[in-house]
Amino acid sequence: MIQTQNRAMTASLRTDGSGQLLVHEIFLKVNNAKDKPKKIEVLKEHNSPELRMLLKGAFDPKIEWELPVGIPPFIKNDAPAGTEHTSLFTECKKLWHFVKGADTQTGKAKKEIMFIQILEGLQEKDAEALIAIKDKKLNTIYKGLTENMVKEAFGWNDDFVKPESN
């Protein structure tokens, strides 16, 4: 029964009409993949600088988010999937503002407002994924999406970089 539901969820993916999956859709495909090699294959298939940036923010312990833990008070974007949403792939370029030590010019309150504005523009499930990334709890929503699996998929070492080959 659960496998049928997961297949139906995966089959119904592709909600924004662009041909590119939304971030939460990629994470759901990883979640639904049957084993580690298939999960790694999904990540490699959707590999992009933006996806790697989001996953690094979720799992790299050196990246500390300068935002309160938990769900901020935001209004979920209830527009139908595929309409009236910004893309987390586009919005991730703004996330540096929220990394501890990266933006010393913007005040804490302004950063929190900026983060809420980003969440309110995203498709609801992408907003949930971004909150999980910020709180370093992505693997609690998407089973099998772990630090070690992500490092293996992208050939990263413990510093979350690809080692230089000699």
Protein backbone atom coordinates (compact mmCIF):
# COMPACT_ATOMS: atom_id res chain seq x y z
CA MET A 1 0.00 0.00 0.00
CA ILE A 2 2.74 2.47 0.98
CA GLN A 3 4.79 1.57 -2.09
CA THR A 4 1.74 2.24 -4.27
CA GLN A 5 1.26 5.63 -2.61
CA ASN A 6 4.96 6.48 -3.03
CA ARG A 7 4.83 5.50 -6.72
CA ALA A 8 1.72 7.62 -7.17
CA MET A 9 3.44 10.55 -5.46
CA THR A 10 6.51 10.15 -7.64
CA ALA A 11 4.39 9.80 -10.77
CA SER A 12 2.57 13.01 -9.91
CA LEU A 13 5.83 14.91 -9.54
CA ARG A 14 6.65 17.66 -11.97
CA THR A 15 4.45 20.45 -10.80
CA ASP A 16 5.88 23.68 -12.19
CA GLY A 17 5.70 22.94 -15.90
CA SER A 18 9.36 23.79 -16.53
CA GLY A 19 10.59 20.24 -16.94
CA GLN A 20 12.87 20.70 -13.90
CA LEU A 21 11.74 19.11 -10.69
CA LEU A 22 11.25 21.29 -7.65
CA VAL A 23 13.72 20.73 -4.81
CA HIS A 24 11.26 18.82 -2.63
CA GLU A 25 10.41 16.61 -5.62
CA ILE A 26 14.06 15.60 -5.98
CA PHE A 27 14.24 14.92 -2.25
CA LEU A 28 11.05 12.84 -2.50
CA LYS A 29 12.57 10.79 -5.34
CA VAL A 30 15.58 10.12 -3.10
CA ASN A 31 13.22 9.18 -0.27
CA ASN A 32 11.31 6.80 -2.52
CA ALA A 33 14.35 5.13 -4.10
CA LYS A 34 14.62 1.55 -2.90
CA ASP A 35 18.30 1.42 -1.95
CA LYS A 36 21.40 3.56 -1.49
CA PRO A 37 22.75 3.16 -5.06
CA LYS A 38 19.40 4.29 -6.48
CA LYS A 39 19.27 7.24 -4.05
CA ILE A 40 22.77 8.27 -5.14
CA GLU A 41 21.74 7.89 -8.78
CA VAL A 42 18.82 10.31 -8.22
CA LEU A 43 21.15 12.92 -6.71
CA LYS A 44 23.65 12.53 -9.54
CA GLU A 45 20.86 12.77 -12.13
CA HIS A 46 19.74 16.11 -10.67
CA ASN A 47 23.20 17.40 -9.78
CA SER A 48 23.50 21.18 -10.01
CA PRO A 49 25.42 23.88 -8.14
CA GLU A 50 22.17 24.94 -6.48
CA LEU A 51 21.26 21.44 -5.30
CA ARG A 52 24.78 20.94 -3.94
CA MET A 53 24.56 24.33 -2.17
CA LEU A 54 21.29 23.36 -0.48
CA LEU A 55 22.57 19.95 0.57
CA LYS A 56 25.80 21.43 1.89
CA GLY A 57 23.72 23.90 3.93
CA ALA A 58 21.70 21.00 5.29
CA PHE A 59 24.57 18.72 6.26
CA ASP A 60 27.87 20.63 6.58
CA PRO A 61 28.35 21.16 10.33
CA LYS A 62 30.56 24.19 9.64
CA ILE A 63 27.60 26.04 8.13
CA GLU A 64 25.62 27.66 10.91
CA TRP A 65 22.35 29.38 10.13
CA GLU A 66 21.84 32.77 11.74
CA LEU A 67 18.09 32.20 12.07
CA PRO A 68 15.98 30.83 14.91
CA VAL A 69 15.37 27.09 14.91
CA GLY A 70 11.85 26.02 14.05
CA ILE A 71 9.07 27.13 11.76
CA PRO A 72 8.93 30.90 11.38
CA PRO A 73 5.57 32.68 11.28
CA PHE A 74 4.93 32.74 7.55
CA ILE A 75 1.90 32.46 5.31
CA LYS A 76 2.10 29.32 3.21
CA ASN A 77 1.82 29.91 -0.51
CA ASP A 78 -1.35 28.00 -1.34
CA ALA A 79 -1.34 28.78 -5.06
CA PRO A 80 -1.81 25.61 -7.11
CA ALA A 81 1.40 23.72 -7.78
CA GLY A 82 3.12 25.11 -10.83
CA THR A 83 1.78 28.65 -10.50
CA GLU A 84 2.75 31.77 -8.59
CA HIS A 85 5.84 30.34 -6.95
CA THR A 86 9.46 31.29 -6.91
CA SER A 87 11.97 28.50 -7.31
CA LEU A 88 14.19 27.34 -4.46
CA PHE A 89 16.84 26.79 -7.13
CA THR A 90 16.73 30.55 -7.80
CA GLU A 91 16.19 31.66 -4.21
CA CYS A 92 19.11 29.59 -2.89
CA LYS A 93 21.44 32.27 -4.25
CA LYS A 94 20.14 34.54 -1.47
CA LEU A 95 20.73 32.07 1.35
CA TRP A 96 24.25 33.31 2.03
CA HIS A 97 22.63 36.22 3.91
CA PHE A 98 21.50 33.75 6.58
CA VAL A 99 24.81 31.94 7.13
CA LYS A 100 26.58 32.99 10.30
CA GLY A 101 29.40 35.43 9.52
CA ALA A 102 28.60 35.84 5.81
CA ASP A 103 26.44 38.99 5.90
CA THR A 104 27.55 41.34 8.65
CA GLN A 105 25.70 44.35 7.23
CA THR A 106 22.09 43.13 7.52
CA GLY A 107 20.51 43.09 10.97
CA LYS A 108 18.98 40.01 12.58
CA ALA A 109 15.38 41.24 12.29
CA LYS A 110 15.83 42.13 8.62
CA LYS A 111 17.32 38.69 7.92
CA GLU A 112 14.33 37.00 9.55
CA ILE A 113 11.94 39.11 7.43
CA MET A 114 13.92 38.28 4.28
CA PHE A 115 13.78 34.56 5.10
CA ILE A 116 10.02 34.70 5.67
CA GLN A 117 9.59 36.48 2.32
CA ILE A 118 11.52 33.70 0.59
CA LEU A 119 9.38 31.04 2.30
CA GLU A 120 6.15 32.80 1.33
CA GLY A 121 7.17 32.83 -2.34
CA LEU A 122 8.02 29.13 -2.49
CA GLN A 123 5.74 26.20 -3.20
CA GLU A 124 4.62 24.90 0.22
CA LYS A 125 6.69 21.68 0.17
CA ASP A 126 9.82 23.54 -0.97
CA ALA A 127 9.31 25.97 1.93
CA GLU A 128 9.11 23.00 4.31
CA ALA A 129 12.30 21.58 2.78
CA LEU A 130 14.09 24.92 3.24
CA ILE A 131 13.10 25.06 6.90
CA ALA A 132 14.41 21.50 7.34
CA ILE A 133 17.66 22.51 5.60
CA LYS A 134 18.03 25.50 7.93
CA ASP A 135 17.34 23.36 10.99
CA LYS A 136 19.67 20.58 9.75
CA LYS A 137 16.76 18.10 9.88
CA LEU A 138 16.35 17.27 6.21
CA ASN A 139 16.91 13.56 6.81
CA THR A 140 13.99 13.45 9.26
CA ILE A 141 11.59 14.36 6.44
CA TYR A 142 13.29 12.52 3.57
CA LYS A 143 14.50 9.13 4.72
CA GLY A 144 17.83 8.04 3.32
CA LEU A 145 18.90 11.59 2.49
CA THR A 146 21.85 11.57 4.85
CA GLU A 147 25.17 13.34 5.20
CA ASN A 148 27.16 10.24 4.23
CA MET A 149 25.00 9.48 1.21
CA VAL A 150 25.27 13.07 -0.04
CA LYS A 151 29.05 13.06 0.42
CA GLU A 152 29.28 9.80 -1.50
CA ALA A 153 27.01 11.02 -4.32
CA PHE A 154 29.11 14.12 -4.96
CA GLY A 155 32.54 12.71 -4.08
CA TRP A 156 32.89 15.07 -1.13
CA ASN A 157 35.26 14.53 1.77
CA ASP A 158 34.46 15.37 5.40
CA ASP A 159 34.96 19.08 4.59
CA PHE A 160 32.17 18.84 1.98
CA VAL A 161 34.51 19.50 -0.93
CA LYS A 162 35.70 17.31 -3.73
CA PRO A 163 39.35 16.47 -3.02
CA GLU A 164 41.87 17.66 -5.59
CA SER A 165 43.17 14.80 -7.69
CA ASN A 166 46.94 14.60 -8.00
